[in-house]
Amino acid sequence: MITNPERKIIKVPDGKICDYIDDKFRRDTPEEYVRQTIEKRLVNEHKYKREQIKIEFGLKLGSRRPRADIVIFPGGYVR
């Protein structure tokens, strides 16, 4: 993971985009652009803190272990 607290300019490899929340490189797809737009709106319009938001968060549902694209934890609860 890239630590980029100052939101500095970083070089992104071809075919990748840098995630707005966790600064990880993700595949450059139309679906990822939608997710990035949602992430930015959650922070900029709805005023969630980046620390409250987790991307591709693993869940446990019985014996299944699906992942949620975006999870928002309550204020004051940082995971």
PDB file of N, CA and C in Angstrom:
ATOM      1  N   MET A   1       0.839  -1.170   0.000  1.00  0.00           N
ATOM      2  CA  MET A   1       0.000   0.000   0.000  1.00  0.00           C
ATOM      3  C   MET A   1       0.889   1.239   0.000  1.00  0.00           C
ATOM      4  N   ILE A   2       0.434   2.255  -0.644  1.00  0.00           N
ATOM      5  CA  ILE A   2       1.173   3.505  -0.715  1.00  0.00           C
ATOM      6  C   ILE A   2       0.675   4.427   0.388  1.00  0.00           C
ATOM      7  N   THR A   3       1.571   4.896   1.225  1.00  0.00           N
ATOM      8  CA  THR A   3       1.190   5.868   2.232  1.00  0.00           C
ATOM      9  C   THR A   3       1.375   7.243   1.626  1.00  0.00           C
ATOM     10  N   ASN A   4       0.292   7.983   1.561  1.00  0.00           N
ATOM     11  CA  ASN A   4       0.327   9.264   0.874  1.00  0.00           C
ATOM     12  C   ASN A   4      -0.557  10.268   1.622  1.00  0.00           C
ATOM     13  N   PRO A   5      -0.249  10.541   2.909  1.00  0.00           N
ATOM     14  CA  PRO A   5      -1.136  11.401   3.697  1.00  0.00           C
ATOM     15  C   PRO A   5      -1.230  12.827   3.177  1.00  0.00           C
ATOM     16  N   GLU A   6      -0.216  13.313   2.496  1.00  0.00           N
ATOM     17  CA  GLU A   6      -0.241  14.677   1.977  1.00  0.00           C
ATOM     18  C   GLU A   6      -0.887  14.749   0.603  1.00  0.00           C
ATOM     19  N   ARG A   7      -1.338  13.583   0.079  1.00  0.00           N
ATOM     20  CA  ARG A   7      -1.955  13.501  -1.246  1.00  0.00           C
ATOM     21  C   ARG A   7      -1.001  14.047  -2.313  1.00  0.00           C
ATOM     22  N   LYS A   8       0.262  13.635  -2.224  1.00  0.00           N
ATOM     23  CA  LYS A   8       1.283  14.049  -3.181  1.00  0.00           C
ATOM     24  C   LYS A   8       1.047  13.398  -4.534  1.00  0.00           C
ATOM     25  N   ILE A   9       1.685  13.943  -5.539  1.00  0.00           N
ATOM     26  CA  ILE A   9       1.607  13.378  -6.876  1.00  0.00           C
ATOM     27  C   ILE A   9       2.451  12.112  -6.915  1.00  0.00           C
ATOM     28  N   ILE A  10       1.868  11.026  -7.409  1.00  0.00           N
ATOM     29  CA  ILE A  10       2.587   9.767  -7.537  1.00  0.00           C
ATOM     30  C   ILE A  10       2.428   9.257  -8.957  1.00  0.00           C
ATOM     31  N   LYS A  11       3.373   8.462  -9.400  1.00  0.00           N
ATOM     32  CA  LYS A  11       3.312   7.895 -10.743  1.00  0.00           C
ATOM     33  C   LYS A  11       2.458   6.632 -10.708  1.00  0.00           C
ATOM     34  N   VAL A  12       1.461   6.601 -11.568  1.00  0.00           N
ATOM     35  CA  VAL A  12       0.544   5.466 -11.627  1.00  0.00           C
ATOM     36  C   VAL A  12       0.905   4.616 -12.841  1.00  0.00           C
ATOM     37  N   PRO A  13       1.086   3.313 -12.651  1.00  0.00           N
ATOM     38  CA  PRO A  13       1.425   2.440 -13.782  1.00  0.00           C
ATOM     39  C   PRO A  13       0.320   2.429 -14.841  1.00  0.00           C
ATOM     40  N   ASP A  14       0.702   2.150 -16.080  1.00  0.00           N
ATOM     41  CA  ASP A  14      -0.273   2.046 -17.164  1.00  0.00           C
ATOM     42  C   ASP A  14      -1.318   0.993 -16.830  1.00  0.00           C
ATOM     43  N   GLY A  15      -2.565   1.291 -17.158  1.00  0.00           N
ATOM     44  CA  GLY A  15      -3.650   0.348 -16.934  1.00  0.00           C
ATOM     45  C   GLY A  15      -4.154   0.311 -15.505  1.00  0.00           C
ATOM     46  N   LYS A  16      -3.672   1.233 -14.670  1.00  0.00           N
ATOM     47  CA  LYS A  16      -4.073   1.282 -13.259  1.00  0.00           C
ATOM     48  C   LYS A  16      -4.582   2.676 -12.917  1.00  0.00           C
ATOM     49  N   ILE A  17      -5.340   2.760 -11.837  1.00  0.00           N
ATOM     50  CA  ILE A  17      -5.688   4.040 -11.234  1.00  0.00           C
ATOM     51  C   ILE A  17      -5.427   3.921  -9.738  1.00  0.00           C
ATOM     52  N   CYS A  18      -5.222   5.037  -9.091  1.00  0.00           N
ATOM     53  CA  CYS A  18      -4.924   5.046  -7.660  1.00  0.00           C
ATOM     54  C   CYS A  18      -6.221   5.280  -6.892  1.00  0.00           C
ATOM     55  N   ASP A  19      -6.537   4.376  -5.973  1.00  0.00           N
ATOM     56  CA  ASP A  19      -7.774   4.461  -5.207  1.00  0.00           C
ATOM     57  C   ASP A  19      -7.776   5.698  -4.319  1.00  0.00           C
ATOM     58  N   TYR A  20      -8.899   6.393  -4.293  1.00  0.00           N
ATOM     59  CA  TYR A  20      -9.047   7.636  -3.540  1.00  0.00           C
ATOM     60  C   TYR A  20      -8.970   7.415  -2.026  1.00  0.00           C
ATOM     61  N   ILE A  21      -9.426   6.271  -1.549  1.00  0.00           N
ATOM     62  CA  ILE A  21      -9.473   6.010  -0.107  1.00  0.00           C
ATOM     63  C   ILE A  21      -8.180   5.400   0.418  1.00  0.00           C
ATOM     64  N   ASP A  22      -7.715   4.328  -0.192  1.00  0.00           N
ATOM     65  CA  ASP A  22      -6.573   3.605   0.386  1.00  0.00           C
ATOM     66  C   ASP A  22      -5.276   3.718  -0.419  1.00  0.00           C
ATOM     67  N   ASP A  23      -5.291   4.482  -1.493  1.00  0.00           N
ATOM     68  CA  ASP A  23      -4.104   4.730  -2.327  1.00  0.00           C
ATOM     69  C   ASP A  23      -3.529   3.473  -2.970  1.00  0.00           C
ATOM     70  N   LYS A  24      -4.289   2.389  -3.010  1.00  0.00           N
ATOM     71  CA  LYS A  24      -3.826   1.186  -3.710  1.00  0.00           C
ATOM     72  C   LYS A  24      -4.093   1.343  -5.199  1.00  0.00           C
ATOM     73  N   PHE A  25      -3.247   0.712  -5.996  1.00  0.00           N
ATOM     74  CA  PHE A  25      -3.476   0.718  -7.433  1.00  0.00           C
ATOM     75  C   PHE A  25      -4.528  -0.323  -7.778  1.00  0.00           C
ATOM     76  N   ARG A  26      -5.477   0.078  -8.594  1.00  0.00           N
ATOM     77  CA  ARG A  26      -6.548  -0.810  -9.030  1.00  0.00           C
ATOM     78  C   ARG A  26      -6.602  -0.783 -10.553  1.00  0.00           C
ATOM     79  N   ARG A  27      -7.172  -1.853 -11.120  1.00  0.00           N
ATOM     80  CA  ARG A  27      -7.285  -1.921 -12.580  1.00  0.00           C
ATOM     81  C   ARG A  27      -8.150  -0.777 -13.095  1.00  0.00           C
ATOM     82  N   ASP A  28      -7.744  -0.220 -14.203  1.00  0.00           N
ATOM     83  CA  ASP A  28      -8.456   0.896 -14.827  1.00  0.00           C
ATOM     84  C   ASP A  28      -9.630   0.341 -15.633  1.00  0.00           C
ATOM     85  N   THR A  29     -10.810   0.315 -15.008  1.00  0.00           N
ATOM     86  CA  THR A  29     -12.015  -0.195 -15.658  1.00  0.00           C
ATOM     87  C   THR A  29     -13.145   0.813 -15.479  1.00  0.00           C
ATOM     88  N   PRO A  30     -14.181   0.735 -16.306  1.00  0.00           N
ATOM     89  CA  PRO A  30     -15.333   1.629 -16.117  1.00  0.00           C
ATOM     90  C   PRO A  30     -15.960   1.470 -14.725  1.00  0.00           C
ATOM     91  N   GLU A  31     -16.020   0.241 -14.229  1.00  0.00           N
ATOM     92  CA  GLU A  31     -16.583   0.003 -12.902  1.00  0.00           C
ATOM     93  C   GLU A  31     -15.761   0.691 -11.816  1.00  0.00           C
ATOM     94  N   GLU A  32     -14.450   0.698 -11.990  1.00  0.00           N
ATOM     95  CA  GLU A  32     -13.589   1.339 -10.993  1.00  0.00           C
ATOM     96  C   GLU A  32     -13.790   2.849 -10.996  1.00  0.00           C
ATOM     97  N   TYR A  33     -14.033   3.437 -12.162  1.00  0.00           N
ATOM     98  CA  TYR A  33     -14.321   4.875 -12.212  1.00  0.00           C
ATOM     99  C   TYR A  33     -15.593   5.197 -11.439  1.00  0.00           C
ATOM    100  N   VAL A  34     -16.595   4.332 -11.530  1.00  0.00           N
ATOM    101  CA  VAL A  34     -17.829   4.534 -10.765  1.00  0.00           C
ATOM    102  C   VAL A  34     -17.522   4.475  -9.271  1.00  0.00           C
ATOM    103  N   ARG A  35     -16.749   3.481  -8.853  1.00  0.00           N
ATOM    104  CA  ARG A  35     -16.414   3.356  -7.434  1.00  0.00           C
ATOM    105  C   ARG A  35     -15.636   4.576  -6.955  1.00  0.00           C
ATOM    106  N   GLN A  36     -14.697   5.057  -7.745  1.00  0.00           N
ATOM    107  CA  GLN A  36     -13.920   6.228  -7.342  1.00  0.00           C
ATOM    108  C   GLN A  36     -14.816   7.454  -7.185  1.00  0.00           C
ATOM    109  N   THR A  37     -15.789   7.604  -8.064  1.00  0.00           N
ATOM    110  CA  THR A  37     -16.734   8.716  -7.958  1.00  0.00           C
ATOM    111  C   THR A  37     -17.533   8.615  -6.664  1.00  0.00           C
ATOM    112  N   ILE A  38     -17.989   7.421  -6.333  1.00  0.00           N
ATOM    113  CA  ILE A  38     -18.737   7.216  -5.088  1.00  0.00           C
ATOM    114  C   ILE A  38     -17.855   7.521  -3.880  1.00  0.00           C
ATOM    115  N   GLU A  39     -16.617   7.041  -3.892  1.00  0.00           N
ATOM    116  CA  GLU A  39     -15.695   7.300  -2.777  1.00  0.00           C
ATOM    117  C   GLU A  39     -15.502   8.800  -2.573  1.00  0.00           C
ATOM    118  N   LYS A  40     -15.278   9.523  -3.644  1.00  0.00           N
ATOM    119  CA  LYS A  40     -15.061  10.977  -3.545  1.00  0.00           C
ATOM    120  C   LYS A  40     -16.299  11.679  -3.009  1.00  0.00           C
ATOM    121  N   ARG A  41     -17.475  11.251  -3.445  1.00  0.00           N
ATOM    122  CA  ARG A  41     -18.716  11.862  -2.957  1.00  0.00           C
ATOM    123  C   ARG A  41     -18.933  11.572  -1.475  1.00  0.00           C
ATOM    124  N   LEU A  42     -18.600  10.365  -1.039  1.00  0.00           N
ATOM    125  CA  LEU A  42     -18.749  10.031   0.380  1.00  0.00           C
ATOM    126  C   LEU A  42     -17.901  10.952   1.254  1.00  0.00           C
ATOM    127  N   VAL A  43     -16.688  11.257   0.798  1.00  0.00           N
ATOM    128  CA  VAL A  43     -15.778  12.109   1.569  1.00  0.00           C
ATOM    129  C   VAL A  43     -16.132  13.587   1.399  1.00  0.00           C
ATOM    130  N   ASN A  44     -16.278  14.038   0.172  1.00  0.00           N
ATOM    131  CA  ASN A  44     -16.430  15.470  -0.094  1.00  0.00           C
ATOM    132  C   ASN A  44     -17.841  16.005   0.132  1.00  0.00           C
ATOM    133  N   GLU A  45     -18.859  15.234  -0.201  1.00  0.00           N
ATOM    134  CA  GLU A  45     -20.231  15.716  -0.057  1.00  0.00           C
ATOM    135  C   GLU A  45     -20.887  15.257   1.241  1.00  0.00           C
ATOM    136  N   HIS A  46     -20.652  14.007   1.615  1.00  0.00           N
ATOM    137  CA  HIS A  46     -21.317  13.449   2.791  1.00  0.00           C
ATOM    138  C   HIS A  46     -20.460  13.536   4.049  1.00  0.00           C
ATOM    139  N   LYS A  47     -19.229  14.013   3.896  1.00  0.00           N
ATOM    140  CA  LYS A  47     -18.328  14.328   5.017  1.00  0.00           C
ATOM    141  C   LYS A  47     -17.895  13.128   5.856  1.00  0.00           C
ATOM    142  N   TYR A  48     -17.832  11.934   5.241  1.00  0.00           N
ATOM    143  CA  TYR A  48     -17.244  10.797   5.938  1.00  0.00           C
ATOM    144  C   TYR A  48     -15.732  10.960   5.915  1.00  0.00           C
ATOM    145  N   LYS A  49     -15.070  10.481   6.948  1.00  0.00           N
ATOM    146  CA  LYS A  49     -13.611  10.501   6.983  1.00  0.00           C
ATOM    147  C   LYS A  49     -13.095   9.288   6.226  1.00  0.00           C
ATOM    148  N   ARG A  50     -11.955   9.450   5.583  1.00  0.00           N
ATOM    149  CA  ARG A  50     -11.357   8.319   4.854  1.00  0.00           C
ATOM    150  C   ARG A  50     -11.151   7.115   5.768  1.00  0.00           C
ATOM    151  N   GLU A  51     -10.825   7.376   7.031  1.00  0.00           N
ATOM    152  CA  GLU A  51     -10.566   6.299   7.981  1.00  0.00           C
ATOM    153  C   GLU A  51     -11.813   5.471   8.274  1.00  0.00           C
ATOM    154  N   GLN A  52     -12.995   6.024   8.037  1.00  0.00           N
ATOM    155  CA  GLN A  52     -14.250   5.307   8.269  1.00  0.00           C
ATOM    156  C   GLN A  52     -14.607   4.383   7.110  1.00  0.00           C
ATOM    157  N   ILE A  53     -13.949   4.535   5.991  1.00  0.00           N
ATOM    158  CA  ILE A  53     -14.316   3.819   4.773  1.00  0.00           C
ATOM    159  C   ILE A  53     -13.277   2.747   4.471  1.00  0.00           C
ATOM    160  N   LYS A  54     -13.747   1.553   4.198  1.00  0.00           N
ATOM    161  CA  LYS A  54     -12.871   0.447   3.795  1.00  0.00           C
ATOM    162  C   LYS A  54     -13.319  -0.043   2.430  1.00  0.00           C
ATOM    163  N   ILE A  55     -12.349  -0.397   1.608  1.00  0.00           N
ATOM    164  CA  ILE A  55     -12.590  -0.839   0.240  1.00  0.00           C
ATOM    165  C   ILE A  55     -12.314  -2.336   0.145  1.00  0.00           C
ATOM    166  N   GLU A  56     -13.187  -3.045  -0.585  1.00  0.00           N
ATOM    167  CA  GLU A  56     -13.081  -4.497  -0.759  1.00  0.00           C
ATOM    168  C   GLU A  56     -12.908  -5.179   0.600  1.00  0.00           C
ATOM    169  N   PHE A  57     -13.813  -4.872   1.493  1.00  0.00           N
ATOM    170  CA  PHE A  57     -13.767  -5.360   2.875  1.00  0.00           C
ATOM    171  C   PHE A  57     -14.320  -6.777   2.948  1.00  0.00           C
ATOM    172  N   GLY A  58     -13.555  -7.681   3.539  1.00  0.00           N
ATOM    173  CA  GLY A  58     -13.972  -9.076   3.672  1.00  0.00           C
ATOM    174  C   GLY A  58     -15.045  -9.257   4.733  1.00  0.00           C
ATOM    175  N   LEU A  59     -16.060 -10.038   4.406  1.00  0.00           N
ATOM    176  CA  LEU A  59     -17.161 -10.336   5.322  1.00  0.00           C
ATOM    177  C   LEU A  59     -17.180 -11.829   5.616  1.00  0.00           C
ATOM    178  N   LYS A  60     -17.858 -12.205   6.682  1.00  0.00           N
ATOM    179  CA  LYS A  60     -18.045 -13.624   6.976  1.00  0.00           C
ATOM    180  C   LYS A  60     -19.541 -13.883   7.105  1.00  0.00           C
ATOM    181  N   LEU A  61     -20.078 -14.666   6.177  1.00  0.00           N
ATOM    182  CA  LEU A  61     -21.494 -15.026   6.179  1.00  0.00           C
ATOM    183  C   LEU A  61     -21.591 -16.541   6.169  1.00  0.00           C
ATOM    184  N   GLY A  62     -21.681 -17.126   7.348  1.00  0.00           N
ATOM    185  CA  GLY A  62     -21.651 -18.583   7.443  1.00  0.00           C
ATOM    186  C   GLY A  62     -20.291 -19.078   6.993  1.00  0.00           C
ATOM    187  N   SER A  63     -20.282 -19.992   6.034  1.00  0.00           N
ATOM    188  CA  SER A  63     -19.006 -20.500   5.515  1.00  0.00           C
ATOM    189  C   SER A  63     -18.503 -19.672   4.338  1.00  0.00           C
ATOM    190  N   ARG A  64     -19.313 -18.751   3.856  1.00  0.00           N
ATOM    191  CA  ARG A  64     -18.906 -17.894   2.727  1.00  0.00           C
ATOM    192  C   ARG A  64     -18.108 -16.694   3.221  1.00  0.00           C
ATOM    193  N   ARG A  65     -17.236 -16.204   2.379  1.00  0.00           N
ATOM    194  CA  ARG A  65     -16.424 -15.031   2.708  1.00  0.00           C
ATOM    195  C   ARG A  65     -16.435 -14.038   1.541  1.00  0.00           C
ATOM    196  N   PRO A  66     -17.596 -13.413   1.307  1.00  0.00           N
ATOM    197  CA  PRO A  66     -17.663 -12.427   0.226  1.00  0.00           C
ATOM    198  C   PRO A  66     -16.973 -11.127   0.631  1.00  0.00           C
ATOM    199  N   ARG A  67     -16.787 -10.252  -0.345  1.00  0.00           N
ATOM    200  CA  ARG A  67     -16.218  -8.936  -0.072  1.00  0.00           C
ATOM    201  C   ARG A  67     -17.224  -7.869  -0.476  1.00  0.00           C
ATOM    202  N   ALA A  68     -17.271  -6.813   0.307  1.00  0.00           N
ATOM    203  CA  ALA A  68     -18.097  -5.656  -0.028  1.00  0.00           C
ATOM    204  C   ALA A  68     -17.203  -4.635  -0.720  1.00  0.00           C
ATOM    205  N   ASP A  69     -17.702  -4.023  -1.783  1.00  0.00           N
ATOM    206  CA  ASP A  69     -16.912  -3.015  -2.495  1.00  0.00           C
ATOM    207  C   ASP A  69     -16.546  -1.847  -1.586  1.00  0.00           C
ATOM    208  N   ILE A  70     -17.539  -1.320  -0.871  1.00  0.00           N
ATOM    209  CA  ILE A  70     -17.325  -0.171   0.015  1.00  0.00           C
ATOM    210  C   ILE A  70     -18.081  -0.417   1.317  1.00  0.00           C
ATOM    211  N   VAL A  71     -17.395  -0.222   2.444  1.00  0.00           N
ATOM    212  CA  VAL A  71     -18.024  -0.330   3.761  1.00  0.00           C
ATOM    213  C   VAL A  71     -17.746   0.970   4.502  1.00  0.00           C
ATOM    214  N   ILE A  72     -18.784   1.507   5.139  1.00  0.00           N
ATOM    215  CA  ILE A  72     -18.629   2.717   5.948  1.00  0.00           C
ATOM    216  C   ILE A  72     -18.889   2.341   7.400  1.00  0.00           C
ATOM    217  N   PHE A  73     -17.916   2.598   8.254  1.00  0.00           N
ATOM    218  CA  PHE A  73     -18.055   2.333   9.676  1.00  0.00           C
ATOM    219  C   PHE A  73     -18.593   3.586  10.362  1.00  0.00           C
ATOM    220  N   PRO A  74     -19.323   3.422  11.472  1.00  0.00           N
ATOM    221  CA  PRO A  74     -19.881   4.581  12.179  1.00  0.00           C
ATOM    222  C   PRO A  74     -18.788   5.539  12.642  1.00  0.00           C
ATOM    223  N   GLY A  75     -19.157   6.805  12.811  1.00  0.00           N
ATOM    224  CA  GLY A  75     -18.226   7.811  13.307  1.00  0.00           C
ATOM    225  C   GLY A  75     -17.637   7.395  14.638  1.00  0.00           C
ATOM    226  N   GLY A  76     -16.358   7.618  14.822  1.00  0.00           N
ATOM    227  CA  GLY A  76     -15.687   7.240  16.051  1.00  0.00           C
ATOM    228  C   GLY A  76     -15.199   5.804  16.059  1.00  0.00           C
ATOM    229  N   TYR A  77     -15.686   4.998  15.125  1.00  0.00           N
ATOM    230  CA  TYR A  77     -15.261   3.601  15.030  1.00  0.00           C
ATOM    231  C   TYR A  77     -14.343   3.469  13.831  1.00  0.00           C
ATOM    232  N   VAL A  78     -13.073   3.329  14.098  1.00  0.00           N
ATOM    233  CA  VAL A  78     -12.097   3.207  13.017  1.00  0.00           C
ATOM    234  C   VAL A  78     -11.546   1.798  13.045  1.00  0.00           C
ATOM    235  N   ARG A  79     -11.654   1.093  11.931  1.00  0.00           N
ATOM    236  CA  ARG A  79     -11.210  -0.298  11.855  1.00  0.00           C
ATOM    237  C   ARG A  79      -9.943  -0.350  11.061  1.00  0.00           C
TER     238      ARG A  79
END
